[in-house]
Every structure is written in structure tokens, then in C-alpha cells.
């Protein structure tokens, strides 16, 4: 089961998702995002490294 949601992304982030989507033959950006989220879920011991540092590339 999946739920549709809306995300707000900066142009640089959208470009990145498109690039990795092409490189890895993903059907769309939503698949790339799901891959990233699944990786974070699988790497629970890396949660601090993934989420604790504020990375504001558009501030």
C-alpha cells in the first residue's frame, strides 16, 4: 500500500533526482526518493549522520 504526497523541492534537488533516475534507469523521481527513504530506513545506525546535520543548500 502506498500513499500519495506532495513534496516541495528546490531546482537543484529536482535536477539531482532526474540525473540519478537516468543513471540508474528509474522510472521517475518518486522512485529515486523512495530509494533514498528505504536506504535511510535500512541504515538506522546512520540516522544521526543522515538527519542531525542541517544541510541547507538553498538558504
N, C-alpha and C. Protein backbone atom coordinates (compact mmCIF):
# COMPACT_ATOMS: atom_id res chain seq x y z
N UNK A 1 0.85 -1.17 0.00
CA UNK A 1 0.00 0.00 0.00
C UNK A 1 0.89 1.24 0.00
N UNK A 2 0.55 2.21 -0.79
CA UNK A 2 1.30 3.45 -0.79
C UNK A 2 0.32 4.62 -0.69
N UNK A 3 0.86 5.74 -0.27
CA UNK A 3 0.07 6.96 -0.11
C UNK A 3 0.72 8.06 -0.92
N UNK A 4 -0.06 8.77 -1.67
CA UNK A 4 0.47 9.87 -2.45
C UNK A 4 0.66 11.08 -1.56
N UNK A 5 1.78 11.81 -1.79
CA UNK A 5 2.02 13.03 -1.05
C UNK A 5 2.71 14.04 -1.95
N UNK A 6 2.67 15.28 -1.53
CA UNK A 6 3.30 16.35 -2.29
C UNK A 6 4.54 16.81 -1.53
N UNK A 7 5.64 17.00 -2.26
CA UNK A 7 6.88 17.48 -1.67
C UNK A 7 7.26 18.80 -2.31
N UNK A 8 7.93 19.63 -1.53
CA UNK A 8 8.49 20.87 -2.06
C UNK A 8 9.99 20.68 -2.16
N UNK A 9 10.51 20.80 -3.38
CA UNK A 9 11.94 20.62 -3.63
C UNK A 9 12.49 21.83 -4.37
N UNK A 10 13.77 22.06 -4.17
CA UNK A 10 14.46 23.13 -4.88
C UNK A 10 14.90 22.60 -6.25
N UNK A 11 15.10 23.49 -7.20
CA UNK A 11 15.51 23.06 -8.55
C UNK A 11 16.73 22.14 -8.56
N UNK A 12 17.71 22.43 -7.72
CA UNK A 12 18.92 21.59 -7.65
C UNK A 12 18.57 20.16 -7.23
N UNK A 13 17.63 20.03 -6.31
CA UNK A 13 17.22 18.71 -5.84
C UNK A 13 16.48 17.95 -6.94
N UNK A 14 15.63 18.65 -7.67
CA UNK A 14 14.89 18.03 -8.77
C UNK A 14 15.86 17.57 -9.85
N UNK A 15 16.85 18.41 -10.15
CA UNK A 15 17.85 18.05 -11.14
C UNK A 15 18.63 16.81 -10.71
N UNK A 16 18.99 16.74 -9.44
CA UNK A 16 19.72 15.58 -8.93
C UNK A 16 18.89 14.31 -9.08
N UNK A 17 17.63 14.38 -8.70
CA UNK A 17 16.76 13.20 -8.81
C UNK A 17 16.62 12.76 -10.26
N UNK A 18 16.54 13.71 -11.18
CA UNK A 18 16.45 13.36 -12.60
C UNK A 18 17.73 12.69 -13.06
N UNK A 19 18.89 13.20 -12.61
CA UNK A 19 20.18 12.63 -13.01
C UNK A 19 20.35 11.20 -12.50
N UNK A 20 20.04 10.97 -11.22
CA UNK A 20 20.20 9.60 -10.71
C UNK A 20 19.15 8.68 -11.31
N UNK A 21 17.97 9.22 -11.60
CA UNK A 21 16.95 8.43 -12.25
C UNK A 21 17.40 7.93 -13.61
N UNK A 22 18.02 8.82 -14.37
CA UNK A 22 18.55 8.42 -15.68
C UNK A 22 19.69 7.43 -15.53
N UNK A 23 20.62 7.75 -14.64
CA UNK A 23 21.81 6.91 -14.46
C UNK A 23 21.43 5.48 -14.07
N UNK A 24 20.42 5.32 -13.21
CA UNK A 24 20.06 4.00 -12.70
C UNK A 24 18.77 3.47 -13.31
N UNK A 25 18.33 4.10 -14.39
CA UNK A 25 17.17 3.63 -15.13
C UNK A 25 15.92 3.51 -14.24
N UNK A 26 15.69 4.53 -13.43
CA UNK A 26 14.50 4.56 -12.58
C UNK A 26 13.35 5.17 -13.37
N UNK A 27 12.13 4.73 -13.11
CA UNK A 27 11.00 5.21 -13.91
C UNK A 27 10.66 6.69 -13.71
N UNK A 28 10.94 7.22 -12.50
CA UNK A 28 10.61 8.62 -12.24
C UNK A 28 11.29 9.07 -10.95
N UNK A 29 11.13 10.36 -10.64
CA UNK A 29 11.77 10.93 -9.45
C UNK A 29 11.21 10.33 -8.16
N UNK A 30 9.95 9.95 -8.18
CA UNK A 30 9.37 9.38 -6.95
C UNK A 30 10.06 8.07 -6.58
N UNK A 31 10.49 7.30 -7.58
CA UNK A 31 11.23 6.07 -7.30
C UNK A 31 12.58 6.40 -6.66
N UNK A 32 13.24 7.44 -7.15
CA UNK A 32 14.51 7.85 -6.57
C UNK A 32 14.34 8.26 -5.11
N UNK A 33 13.28 8.98 -4.82
CA UNK A 33 13.01 9.39 -3.44
C UNK A 33 12.72 8.18 -2.57
N UNK A 34 11.94 7.22 -3.10
CA UNK A 34 11.65 6.01 -2.32
C UNK A 34 12.93 5.23 -2.03
N UNK A 35 13.85 5.19 -2.99
CA UNK A 35 15.13 4.52 -2.77
C UNK A 35 15.90 5.19 -1.63
N UNK A 36 15.92 6.52 -1.64
CA UNK A 36 16.62 7.25 -0.58
C UNK A 36 16.00 7.00 0.79
N UNK A 37 14.68 7.02 0.86
CA UNK A 37 13.99 6.78 2.13
C UNK A 37 14.23 5.35 2.59
N UNK A 38 14.14 4.39 1.67
CA UNK A 38 14.38 2.99 2.05
C UNK A 38 15.80 2.79 2.57
N UNK A 39 16.76 3.46 1.94
CA UNK A 39 18.15 3.37 2.41
C UNK A 39 18.25 3.90 3.84
N UNK A 40 17.63 5.04 4.10
CA UNK A 40 17.66 5.62 5.45
C UNK A 40 17.02 4.67 6.46
N UNK A 41 15.94 4.02 6.08
CA UNK A 41 15.27 3.07 6.97
C UNK A 41 16.19 1.89 7.27
N UNK A 42 16.88 1.40 6.24
CA UNK A 42 17.77 0.24 6.41
C UNK A 42 19.04 0.58 7.19
N UNK A 43 19.41 1.84 7.22
CA UNK A 43 20.64 2.27 7.89
C UNK A 43 20.33 3.01 9.19
N UNK A 44 19.54 2.40 10.04
CA UNK A 44 19.13 3.04 11.29
C UNK A 44 20.32 3.54 12.11
N UNK A 45 21.44 2.83 12.05
CA UNK A 45 22.61 3.24 12.81
C UNK A 45 23.26 4.50 12.23
N UNK A 46 22.82 4.92 11.06
CA UNK A 46 23.36 6.12 10.41
C UNK A 46 22.38 7.31 10.47
N UNK A 47 21.32 7.17 11.27
CA UNK A 47 20.30 8.21 11.33
C UNK A 47 20.89 9.57 11.71
N UNK A 48 21.80 9.60 12.68
CA UNK A 48 22.40 10.88 13.07
C UNK A 48 23.18 11.49 11.91
N UNK A 49 23.94 10.68 11.20
CA UNK A 49 24.71 11.19 10.06
C UNK A 49 23.79 11.69 8.95
N UNK A 50 22.66 11.06 8.77
CA UNK A 50 21.74 11.44 7.71
C UNK A 50 20.92 12.67 8.10
N UNK A 51 20.42 12.69 9.34
CA UNK A 51 19.41 13.69 9.70
C UNK A 51 19.83 14.76 10.69
N UNK A 52 20.88 14.56 11.46
CA UNK A 52 21.17 15.55 12.50
C UNK A 52 21.88 16.79 11.99
N UNK A 53 22.64 16.67 10.91
CA UNK A 53 23.32 17.83 10.36
C UNK A 53 22.37 18.59 9.44
N UNK A 54 22.25 19.88 9.67
CA UNK A 54 21.40 20.70 8.83
C UNK A 54 22.17 21.04 7.56
N UNK A 55 21.63 20.63 6.43
CA UNK A 55 22.26 20.88 5.14
C UNK A 55 21.34 21.78 4.32
N UNK A 56 21.53 23.05 4.44
CA UNK A 56 20.66 23.99 3.74
C UNK A 56 21.40 24.55 2.53
N UNK A 57 21.15 23.96 1.39
CA UNK A 57 21.82 24.37 0.16
C UNK A 57 21.09 25.51 -0.53
N UNK A 58 19.91 25.89 -0.04
CA UNK A 58 19.13 26.92 -0.71
C UNK A 58 18.85 28.12 0.19
N UNK A 59 19.53 28.19 1.32
CA UNK A 59 19.30 29.33 2.23
C UNK A 59 19.96 30.59 1.73
